[in-house]
Amino acid sequence: MNYYSYKFRLYPTRTQEVLLNKHFGACRFVYNHFLERRIELWKTEKRGSNYYKDVKELTNLKQTKDWLYETGNPALQQSLLNLDNAYKKFFSKKSKFP
């Protein structure tokens, strides 16, 4: 069986470029915010969090940070799923701390 891969180069317009940068920035913010939140939660209360708790908390965060509404929910939720997977890999000793 042969496998092929393709590479595509995107040339976004200026408007699309701004929108992509907003998405990247919002996803980075959400990932780092919830990483910091999990670390503080462990230090103060000795308990952890998971993807489902974080998604519920994301709704509250979006109410305080209006600019997060400019980004679609799937992208933000995927960054939370990436964080949760990073924690799972860390605790199964497959990678370093996120």
PDB file of N, CA and C in Angstrom:
ATOM      1  N   MET A   1       0.844  -1.175   0.000  1.00  0.00           N
ATOM      2  CA  MET A   1       0.000   0.000   0.000  1.00  0.00           C
ATOM      3  C   MET A   1       0.890   1.239   0.000  1.00  0.00           C
ATOM      4  N   ASN A   2       0.614   2.138  -0.881  1.00  0.00           N
ATOM      5  CA  ASN A   2       1.377   3.379  -0.987  1.00  0.00           C
ATOM      6  C   ASN A   2       0.638   4.506  -0.289  1.00  0.00           C
ATOM      7  N   TYR A   3       1.396   5.298   0.430  1.00  0.00           N
ATOM      8  CA  TYR A   3       0.839   6.469   1.083  1.00  0.00           C
ATOM      9  C   TYR A   3       1.425   7.720   0.451  1.00  0.00           C
ATOM     10  N   TYR A   4       0.590   8.684   0.226  1.00  0.00           N
ATOM     11  CA  TYR A   4       1.019   9.936  -0.358  1.00  0.00           C
ATOM     12  C   TYR A   4       0.673  11.079   0.586  1.00  0.00           C
ATOM     13  N   SER A   5       1.454  12.098   0.520  1.00  0.00           N
ATOM     14  CA  SER A   5       1.130  13.291   1.293  1.00  0.00           C
ATOM     15  C   SER A   5       1.229  14.501   0.371  1.00  0.00           C
ATOM     16  N   TYR A   6       0.463  15.484   0.706  1.00  0.00           N
ATOM     17  CA  TYR A   6       0.445  16.715  -0.066  1.00  0.00           C
ATOM     18  C   TYR A   6       0.711  17.876   0.866  1.00  0.00           C
ATOM     19  N   LYS A   7       1.411  18.858   0.371  1.00  0.00           N
ATOM     20  CA  LYS A   7       1.630  20.096   1.100  1.00  0.00           C
ATOM     21  C   LYS A   7       0.968  21.216   0.323  1.00  0.00           C
ATOM     22  N   PHE A   8       0.275  22.050   1.060  1.00  0.00           N
ATOM     23  CA  PHE A   8      -0.376  23.196   0.446  1.00  0.00           C
ATOM     24  C   PHE A   8       0.120  24.457   1.114  1.00  0.00           C
ATOM     25  N   ARG A   9       0.333  25.463   0.351  1.00  0.00           N
ATOM     26  CA  ARG A   9       0.724  26.759   0.895  1.00  0.00           C
ATOM     27  C   ARG A   9      -0.479  27.681   0.806  1.00  0.00           C
ATOM     28  N   LEU A  10      -0.773  28.330   1.914  1.00  0.00           N
ATOM     29  CA  LEU A  10      -1.905  29.242   1.956  1.00  0.00           C
ATOM     30  C   LEU A  10      -1.433  30.673   1.763  1.00  0.00           C
ATOM     31  N   TYR A  11      -2.199  31.434   1.043  1.00  0.00           N
ATOM     32  CA  TYR A  11      -1.948  32.846   0.863  1.00  0.00           C
ATOM     33  C   TYR A  11      -3.200  33.609   1.306  1.00  0.00           C
ATOM     34  N   PRO A  12      -3.339  33.786   2.622  1.00  0.00           N
ATOM     35  CA  PRO A  12      -4.565  34.440   3.105  1.00  0.00           C
ATOM     36  C   PRO A  12      -4.565  35.929   2.771  1.00  0.00           C
ATOM     37  N   THR A  13      -5.767  36.454   2.640  1.00  0.00           N
ATOM     38  CA  THR A  13      -5.901  37.896   2.466  1.00  0.00           C
ATOM     39  C   THR A  13      -5.573  38.557   3.799  1.00  0.00           C
ATOM     40  N   ARG A  14      -5.484  39.857   3.800  1.00  0.00           N
ATOM     41  CA  ARG A  14      -5.160  40.580   5.046  1.00  0.00           C
ATOM     42  C   ARG A  14      -6.238  40.339   6.105  1.00  0.00           C
ATOM     43  N   THR A  15      -7.494  40.315   5.714  1.00  0.00           N
ATOM     44  CA  THR A  15      -8.595  40.064   6.647  1.00  0.00           C
ATOM     45  C   THR A  15      -8.503  38.651   7.219  1.00  0.00           C
ATOM     46  N   GLN A  16      -8.221  37.672   6.358  1.00  0.00           N
ATOM     47  CA  GLN A  16      -8.083  36.291   6.822  1.00  0.00           C
ATOM     48  C   GLN A  16      -6.877  36.138   7.740  1.00  0.00           C
ATOM     49  N   GLU A  17      -5.820  36.851   7.432  1.00  0.00           N
ATOM     50  CA  GLU A  17      -4.614  36.799   8.264  1.00  0.00           C
ATOM     51  C   GLU A  17      -4.908  37.330   9.666  1.00  0.00           C
ATOM     52  N   VAL A  18      -5.649  38.415   9.755  1.00  0.00           N
ATOM     53  CA  VAL A  18      -6.025  38.978  11.059  1.00  0.00           C
ATOM     54  C   VAL A  18      -6.884  37.983  11.830  1.00  0.00           C
ATOM     55  N   LEU A  19      -7.842  37.362  11.143  1.00  0.00           N
ATOM     56  CA  LEU A  19      -8.716  36.390  11.793  1.00  0.00           C
ATOM     57  C   LEU A  19      -7.936  35.164  12.277  1.00  0.00           C
ATOM     58  N   LEU A  20      -7.005  34.689  11.465  1.00  0.00           N
ATOM     59  CA  LEU A  20      -6.164  33.555  11.881  1.00  0.00           C
ATOM     60  C   LEU A  20      -5.334  33.917  13.109  1.00  0.00           C
ATOM     61  N   ASN A  21      -4.760  35.106  13.122  1.00  0.00           N
ATOM     62  CA  ASN A  21      -3.962  35.534  14.269  1.00  0.00           C
ATOM     63  C   ASN A  21      -4.809  35.661  15.524  1.00  0.00           C
ATOM     64  N   LYS A  22      -6.053  36.104  15.390  1.00  0.00           N
ATOM     65  CA  LYS A  22      -6.959  36.165  16.546  1.00  0.00           C
ATOM     66  C   LYS A  22      -7.224  34.765  17.082  1.00  0.00           C
ATOM     67  N   HIS A  23      -7.443  33.816  16.179  1.00  0.00           N
ATOM     68  CA  HIS A  23      -7.682  32.434  16.603  1.00  0.00           C
ATOM     69  C   HIS A  23      -6.455  31.853  17.316  1.00  0.00           C
ATOM     70  N   PHE A  24      -5.286  32.050  16.722  1.00  0.00           N
ATOM     71  CA  PHE A  24      -4.065  31.524  17.335  1.00  0.00           C
ATOM     72  C   PHE A  24      -3.834  32.137  18.711  1.00  0.00           C
ATOM     73  N   GLY A  25      -4.032  33.438  18.816  1.00  0.00           N
ATOM     74  CA  GLY A  25      -3.823  34.119  20.089  1.00  0.00           C
ATOM     75  C   GLY A  25      -4.822  33.679  21.151  1.00  0.00           C
ATOM     76  N   ALA A  26      -6.084  33.532  20.760  1.00  0.00           N
ATOM     77  CA  ALA A  26      -7.113  33.113  21.717  1.00  0.00           C
ATOM     78  C   ALA A  26      -6.855  31.689  22.195  1.00  0.00           C
ATOM     79  N   CYS A  27      -6.472  30.811  21.290  1.00  0.00           N
ATOM     80  CA  CYS A  27      -6.178  29.423  21.679  1.00  0.00           C
ATOM     81  C   CYS A  27      -4.970  29.361  22.610  1.00  0.00           C
ATOM     82  N   ARG A  28      -3.961  30.145  22.322  1.00  0.00           N
ATOM     83  CA  ARG A  28      -2.774  30.195  23.176  1.00  0.00           C
ATOM     84  C   ARG A  28      -3.139  30.727  24.553  1.00  0.00           C
ATOM     85  N   PHE A  29      -3.961  31.776  24.596  1.00  0.00           N
ATOM     86  CA  PHE A  29      -4.395  32.348  25.869  1.00  0.00           C
ATOM     87  C   PHE A  29      -5.167  31.320  26.695  1.00  0.00           C
ATOM     88  N   VAL A  30      -6.117  30.626  26.063  1.00  0.00           N
ATOM     89  CA  VAL A  30      -6.936  29.643  26.783  1.00  0.00           C
ATOM     90  C   VAL A  30      -6.065  28.512  27.314  1.00  0.00           C
ATOM     91  N   TYR A  31      -5.151  28.003  26.504  1.00  0.00           N
ATOM     92  CA  TYR A  31      -4.268  26.921  26.944  1.00  0.00           C
ATOM     93  C   TYR A  31      -3.457  27.353  28.160  1.00  0.00           C
ATOM     94  N   ASN A  32      -2.816  28.513  28.067  1.00  0.00           N
ATOM     95  CA  ASN A  32      -1.969  28.991  29.165  1.00  0.00           C
ATOM     96  C   ASN A  32      -2.781  29.347  30.402  1.00  0.00           C
ATOM     97  N   HIS A  33      -3.971  29.911  30.209  1.00  0.00           N
ATOM     98  CA  HIS A  33      -4.826  30.267  31.345  1.00  0.00           C
ATOM     99  C   HIS A  33      -5.222  29.021  32.134  1.00  0.00           C
ATOM    100  N   PHE A  34      -5.650  27.986  31.437  1.00  0.00           N
ATOM    101  CA  PHE A  34      -6.097  26.784  32.131  1.00  0.00           C
ATOM    102  C   PHE A  34      -4.927  25.953  32.654  1.00  0.00           C
ATOM    103  N   LEU A  35      -3.767  26.045  32.026  1.00  0.00           N
ATOM    104  CA  LEU A  35      -2.575  25.407  32.580  1.00  0.00           C
ATOM    105  C   LEU A  35      -2.225  26.045  33.914  1.00  0.00           C
ATOM    106  N   GLU A  36      -2.217  27.381  33.947  1.00  0.00           N
ATOM    107  CA  GLU A  36      -1.939  28.098  35.198  1.00  0.00           C
ATOM    108  C   GLU A  36      -3.000  27.788  36.250  1.00  0.00           C
ATOM    109  N   ARG A  37      -4.249  27.702  35.824  1.00  0.00           N
ATOM    110  CA  ARG A  37      -5.348  27.396  36.744  1.00  0.00           C
ATOM    111  C   ARG A  37      -5.187  26.005  37.350  1.00  0.00           C
ATOM    112  N   ARG A  38      -4.788  25.031  36.536  1.00  0.00           N
ATOM    113  CA  ARG A  38      -4.585  23.670  37.051  1.00  0.00           C
ATOM    114  C   ARG A  38      -3.420  23.620  38.037  1.00  0.00           C
ATOM    115  N   ILE A  39      -2.368  24.350  37.740  1.00  0.00           N
ATOM    116  CA  ILE A  39      -1.205  24.374  38.641  1.00  0.00           C
ATOM    117  C   ILE A  39      -1.599  24.992  39.979  1.00  0.00           C
ATOM    118  N   GLU A  40      -2.295  26.117  39.947  1.00  0.00           N
ATOM    119  CA  GLU A  40      -2.731  26.782  41.194  1.00  0.00           C
ATOM    120  C   GLU A  40      -3.725  25.920  41.963  1.00  0.00           C
ATOM    121  N   LEU A  41      -4.612  25.252  41.263  1.00  0.00           N
ATOM    122  CA  LEU A  41      -5.596  24.388  41.913  1.00  0.00           C
ATOM    123  C   LEU A  41      -4.899  23.252  42.658  1.00  0.00           C
ATOM    124  N   TRP A  42      -3.846  22.722  42.058  1.00  0.00           N
ATOM    125  CA  TRP A  42      -3.106  21.647  42.716  1.00  0.00           C
ATOM    126  C   TRP A  42      -2.335  22.167  43.928  1.00  0.00           C
ATOM    127  N   LYS A  43      -1.727  23.349  43.793  1.00  0.00           N
ATOM    128  CA  LYS A  43      -0.949  23.917  44.897  1.00  0.00           C
ATOM    129  C   LYS A  43      -1.825  24.278  46.088  1.00  0.00           C
ATOM    130  N   THR A  44      -3.005  24.826  45.832  1.00  0.00           N
ATOM    131  CA  THR A  44      -3.840  25.318  46.925  1.00  0.00           C
ATOM    132  C   THR A  44      -4.769  24.262  47.499  1.00  0.00           C
ATOM    133  N   GLU A  45      -5.399  23.462  46.645  1.00  0.00           N
ATOM    134  CA  GLU A  45      -6.424  22.529  47.118  1.00  0.00           C
ATOM    135  C   GLU A  45      -6.048  21.068  46.956  1.00  0.00           C
ATOM    136  N   LYS A  46      -4.902  20.790  46.350  1.00  0.00           N
ATOM    137  CA  LYS A  46      -4.436  19.419  46.114  1.00  0.00           C
ATOM    138  C   LYS A  46      -5.465  18.590  45.343  1.00  0.00           C
ATOM    139  N   ARG A  47      -6.078  19.214  44.361  1.00  0.00           N
ATOM    140  CA  ARG A  47      -6.985  18.479  43.491  1.00  0.00           C
ATOM    141  C   ARG A  47      -6.752  18.935  42.063  1.00  0.00           C
ATOM    142  N   GLY A  48      -7.126  18.097  41.147  1.00  0.00           N
ATOM    143  CA  GLY A  48      -6.894  18.388  39.746  1.00  0.00           C
ATOM    144  C   GLY A  48      -8.158  18.805  39.023  1.00  0.00           C
ATOM    145  N   SER A  49      -8.026  18.948  37.733  1.00  0.00           N
ATOM    146  CA  SER A  49      -9.148  19.303  36.879  1.00  0.00           C
ATOM    147  C   SER A  49      -9.102  18.386  35.668  1.00  0.00           C
ATOM    148  N   ASN A  50     -10.129  18.456  34.841  1.00  0.00           N
ATOM    149  CA  ASN A  50     -10.141  17.680  33.617  1.00  0.00           C
ATOM    150  C   ASN A  50     -10.778  18.490  32.502  1.00  0.00           C
ATOM    151  N   TYR A  51     -10.859  17.905  31.340  1.00  0.00           N
ATOM    152  CA  TYR A  51     -11.367  18.596  30.155  1.00  0.00           C
ATOM    153  C   TYR A  51     -12.785  19.109  30.371  1.00  0.00           C
ATOM    154  N   TYR A  52     -13.652  18.284  30.940  1.00  0.00           N
ATOM    155  CA  TYR A  52     -15.066  18.643  31.072  1.00  0.00           C
ATOM    156  C   TYR A  52     -15.266  19.799  32.057  1.00  0.00           C
ATOM    157  N   LYS A  53     -14.514  19.803  33.131  1.00  0.00           N
ATOM    158  CA  LYS A  53     -14.581  20.915  34.082  1.00  0.00           C
ATOM    159  C   LYS A  53     -14.058  22.204  33.430  1.00  0.00           C
ATOM    160  N   ASP A  54     -13.002  22.053  32.652  1.00  0.00           N
ATOM    161  CA  ASP A  54     -12.410  23.225  31.997  1.00  0.00           C
ATOM    162  C   ASP A  54     -13.347  23.817  30.945  1.00  0.00           C
ATOM    163  N   VAL A  55     -14.070  22.962  30.215  1.00  0.00           N
ATOM    164  CA  VAL A  55     -15.004  23.466  29.204  1.00  0.00           C
ATOM    165  C   VAL A  55     -16.124  24.259  29.870  1.00  0.00           C
ATOM    166  N   LYS A  56     -16.601  23.778  31.016  1.00  0.00           N
ATOM    167  CA  LYS A  56     -17.629  24.529  31.746  1.00  0.00           C
ATOM    168  C   LYS A  56     -17.079  25.874  32.218  1.00  0.00           C
ATOM    169  N   GLU A  57     -15.844  25.865  32.679  1.00  0.00           N
ATOM    170  CA  GLU A  57     -15.218  27.100  33.150  1.00  0.00           C
ATOM    171  C   GLU A  57     -14.925  28.056  31.984  1.00  0.00           C
ATOM    172  N   LEU A  58     -14.721  27.507  30.789  1.00  0.00           N
ATOM    173  CA  LEU A  58     -14.472  28.331  29.612  1.00  0.00           C
ATOM    174  C   LEU A  58     -15.655  29.257  29.347  1.00  0.00           C
ATOM    175  N   THR A  59     -16.860  28.774  29.590  1.00  0.00           N
ATOM    176  CA  THR A  59     -18.047  29.606  29.408  1.00  0.00           C
ATOM    177  C   THR A  59     -17.992  30.818  30.319  1.00  0.00           C
ATOM    178  N   ASN A  60     -17.599  30.627  31.566  1.00  0.00           N
ATOM    179  CA  ASN A  60     -17.472  31.746  32.502  1.00  0.00           C
ATOM    180  C   ASN A  60     -16.356  32.693  32.079  1.00  0.00           C
ATOM    181  N   LEU A  61     -15.263  32.136  31.592  1.00  0.00           N
ATOM    182  CA  LEU A  61     -14.145  32.962  31.151  1.00  0.00           C
ATOM    183  C   LEU A  61     -14.548  33.835  29.964  1.00  0.00           C
ATOM    184  N   LYS A  62     -15.328  33.281  29.051  1.00  0.00           N
ATOM    185  CA  LYS A  62     -15.758  34.043  27.885  1.00  0.00           C
ATOM    186  C   LYS A  62     -16.650  35.213  28.280  1.00  0.00           C
ATOM    187  N   GLN A  63     -17.354  35.099  29.401  1.00  0.00           N
ATOM    188  CA  GLN A  63     -18.201  36.208  29.846  1.00  0.00           C
ATOM    189  C   GLN A  63     -17.358  37.360  30.384  1.00  0.00           C
ATOM    190  N   THR A  64     -16.175  37.072  30.894  1.00  0.00           N
ATOM    191  CA  THR A  64     -15.310  38.136  31.406  1.00  0.00           C
ATOM    192  C   THR A  64     -14.375  38.679  30.324  1.00  0.00           C
ATOM    193  N   LYS A  65     -14.068  37.877  29.337  1.00  0.00           N
ATOM    194  CA  LYS A  65     -13.178  38.289  28.235  1.00  0.00           C
ATOM    195  C   LYS A  65     -13.992  38.295  26.940  1.00  0.00           C
ATOM    196  N   ASP A  66     -14.566  39.417  26.616  1.00  0.00           N
ATOM    197  CA  ASP A  66     -15.450  39.519  25.451  1.00  0.00           C
ATOM    198  C   ASP A  66     -14.752  39.175  24.139  1.00  0.00           C
ATOM    199  N   TRP A  67     -13.484  39.440  24.041  1.00  0.00           N
ATOM    200  CA  TRP A  67     -12.757  39.201  22.791  1.00  0.00           C
ATOM    201  C   TRP A  67     -12.653  37.706  22.456  1.00  0.00           C
ATOM    202  N   LEU A  68     -12.927  36.826  23.422  1.00  0.00           N
ATOM    203  CA  LEU A  68     -12.913  35.393  23.124  1.00  0.00           C
ATOM    204  C   LEU A  68     -14.104  34.979  22.260  1.00  0.00           C
ATOM    205  N   TYR A  69     -15.141  35.816  22.210  1.00  0.00           N
ATOM    206  CA  TYR A  69     -16.292  35.519  21.355  1.00  0.00           C
ATOM    207  C   TYR A  69     -15.967  35.659  19.880  1.00  0.00           C
ATOM    208  N   GLU A  70     -14.867  36.307  19.545  1.00  0.00           N
ATOM    209  CA  GLU A  70     -14.465  36.447  18.150  1.00  0.00           C
ATOM    210  C   GLU A  70     -13.908  35.145  17.586  1.00  0.00           C
ATOM    211  N   THR A  71     -13.642  34.189  18.463  1.00  0.00           N
ATOM    212  CA  THR A  71     -13.079  32.903  18.071  1.00  0.00           C
ATOM    213  C   THR A  71     -14.137  31.826  18.251  1.00  0.00           C
ATOM    214  N   GLY A  72     -14.184  30.880  17.358  1.00  0.00           N
ATOM    215  CA  GLY A  72     -15.151  29.803  17.451  1.00  0.00           C
ATOM    216  C   GLY A  72     -14.862  28.872  18.621  1.00  0.00           C
ATOM    217  N   ASN A  73     -15.924  28.319  19.184  1.00  0.00           N
ATOM    218  CA  ASN A  73     -15.780  27.397  20.307  1.00  0.00           C
ATOM    219  C   ASN A  73     -14.952  26.161  19.986  1.00  0.00           C
ATOM    220  N   PRO A  74     -15.101  25.547  18.807  1.00  0.00           N
ATOM    221  CA  PRO A  74     -14.309  24.342  18.550  1.00  0.00           C
ATOM    222  C   PRO A  74     -12.800  24.551  18.686  1.00  0.00           C
ATOM    223  N   ALA A  75     -12.310  25.693  18.255  1.00  0.00           N
ATOM    224  CA  ALA A  75     -10.867  25.954  18.354  1.00  0.00           C
ATOM    225  C   ALA A  75     -10.448  26.082  19.813  1.00  0.00           C
ATOM    226  N   LEU A  76     -11.241  26.781  20.619  1.00  0.00           N
ATOM    227  CA  LEU A  76     -10.905  26.946  22.037  1.00  0.00           C
ATOM    228  C   LEU A  76     -11.018  25.627  22.785  1.00  0.00           C
ATOM    229  N   GLN A  77     -12.038  24.857  22.468  1.00  0.00           N
ATOM    230  CA  GLN A  77     -12.204  23.562  23.128  1.00  0.00           C
ATOM    231  C   GLN A  77     -11.103  22.589  22.724  1.00  0.00           C
ATOM    232  N   GLN A  78     -10.617  22.705  21.497  1.00  0.00           N
ATOM    233  CA  GLN A  78      -9.517  21.847  21.072  1.00  0.00           C
ATOM    234  C   GLN A  78      -8.245  22.169  21.841  1.00  0.00           C
ATOM    235  N   SER A  79      -8.011  23.439  22.162  1.00  0.00           N
ATOM    236  CA  SER A  79      -6.832  23.782  22.954  1.00  0.00           C
ATOM    237  C   SER A  79      -6.955  23.202  24.369  1.00  0.00           C
ATOM    238  N   LEU A  80      -8.181  23.138  24.906  1.00  0.00           N
ATOM    239  CA  LEU A  80      -8.374  22.493  26.214  1.00  0.00           C
ATOM    240  C   LEU A  80      -8.158  20.986  26.113  1.00  0.00           C
ATOM    241  N   LEU A  81      -8.568  20.394  25.006  1.00  0.00           N
ATOM    242  CA  LEU A  81      -8.346  18.964  24.805  1.00  0.00           C
ATOM    243  C   LEU A  81      -6.850  18.677  24.661  1.00  0.00           C
ATOM    244  N   ASN A  82      -6.126  19.564  23.990  1.00  0.00           N
ATOM    245  CA  ASN A  82      -4.673  19.413  23.869  1.00  0.00           C
ATOM    246  C   ASN A  82      -4.009  19.487  25.242  1.00  0.00           C
ATOM    247  N   LEU A  83      -4.480  20.395  26.088  1.00  0.00           N
ATOM    248  CA  LEU A  83      -3.944  20.504  27.442  1.00  0.00           C
ATOM    249  C   LEU A  83      -4.226  19.234  28.234  1.00  0.00           C
ATOM    250  N   ASP A  84      -5.439  18.727  28.134  1.00  0.00           N
ATOM    251  CA  ASP A  84      -5.804  17.515  28.857  1.00  0.00           C
ATOM    252  C   ASP A  84      -4.962  16.326  28.391  1.00  0.00           C
ATOM    253  N   ASN A  85      -4.732  16.229  27.087  1.00  0.00           N
ATOM    254  CA  ASN A  85      -3.887  15.147  26.557  1.00  0.00           C
ATOM    255  C   ASN A  85      -2.439  15.296  27.010  1.00  0.00           C
ATOM    256  N   ALA A  86      -1.969  16.532  27.119  1.00  0.00           N
ATOM    257  CA  ALA A  86      -0.600  16.758  27.597  1.00  0.00           C
ATOM    258  C   ALA A  86      -0.466  16.282  29.046  1.00  0.00           C
ATOM    259  N   TYR A  87      -1.480  16.542  29.862  1.00  0.00           N
ATOM    260  CA  TYR A  87      -1.460  16.064  31.246  1.00  0.00           C
ATOM    261  C   TYR A  87      -1.490  14.540  31.300  1.00  0.00           C
ATOM    262  N   LYS A  88      -2.316  13.927  30.485  1.00  0.00           N
ATOM    263  CA  LYS A  88      -2.404  12.459  30.469  1.00  0.00           C
ATOM    264  C   LYS A  88      -1.070  11.838  30.070  1.00  0.00           C
ATOM    265  N   LYS A  89      -0.417  12.425  29.072  1.00  0.00           N
ATOM    266  CA  LYS A  89       0.888  11.910  28.651  1.00  0.00           C
ATOM    267  C   LYS A  89       1.939  12.111  29.737  1.00  0.00           C
ATOM    268  N   PHE A  90       1.852  13.230  30.456  1.00  0.00           N
ATOM    269  CA  PHE A  90       2.799  13.485  31.532  1.00  0.00           C
ATOM    270  C   PHE A  90       2.635  12.453  32.647  1.00  0.00           C
ATOM    271  N   PHE A  91       1.405  12.185  33.048  1.00  0.00           N
ATOM    272  CA  PHE A  91       1.182  11.244  34.143  1.00  0.00           C
ATOM    273  C   PHE A  91       1.429   9.802  33.738  1.00  0.00           C
ATOM    274  N   SER A  92       1.393   9.493  32.450  1.00  0.00           N
ATOM    275  CA  SER A  92       1.751   8.152  32.004  1.00  0.00           C
ATOM    276  C   SER A  92       3.234   8.072  31.638  1.00  0.00           C
ATOM    277  N   LYS A  93       3.981   9.145  31.969  1.00  0.00           N
ATOM    278  CA  LYS A  93       5.427   9.225  31.791  1.00  0.00           C
ATOM    279  C   LYS A  93       5.863   9.101  30.323  1.00  0.00           C
ATOM    280  N   LYS A  94       5.045   9.611  29.423  1.00  0.00           N
ATOM    281  CA  LYS A  94       5.380   9.603  28.008  1.00  0.00           C
ATOM    282  C   LYS A  94       5.943  10.936  27.538  1.00  0.00           C
ATOM    283  N   SER A  95       5.816  11.973  28.379  1.00  0.00           N
ATOM    284  CA  SER A  95       6.353  13.275  28.016  1.00  0.00           C
ATOM    285  C   SER A  95       6.628  14.092  29.264  1.00  0.00           C
ATOM    286  N   LYS A  96       7.187  15.271  29.058  1.00  0.00           N
ATOM    287  CA  LYS A  96       7.487  16.164  30.176  1.00  0.00           C
ATOM    288  C   LYS A  96       6.243  16.935  30.570  1.00  0.00           C
ATOM    289  N   PHE A  97       6.342  17.682  31.687  1.00  0.00           N
ATOM    290  CA  PHE A  97       5.221  18.499  32.150  1.00  0.00           C
ATOM    291  C   PHE A  97       4.892  19.557  31.103  1.00  0.00           C
ATOM    292  N   PRO A  98       3.605  19.771  30.846  1.00  0.00           N
ATOM    293  CA  PRO A  98       3.225  20.707  29.764  1.00  0.00           C
ATOM    294  C   PRO A  98       3.703  22.130  30.001  1.00  0.00           C
TER     295      PRO A  98
END
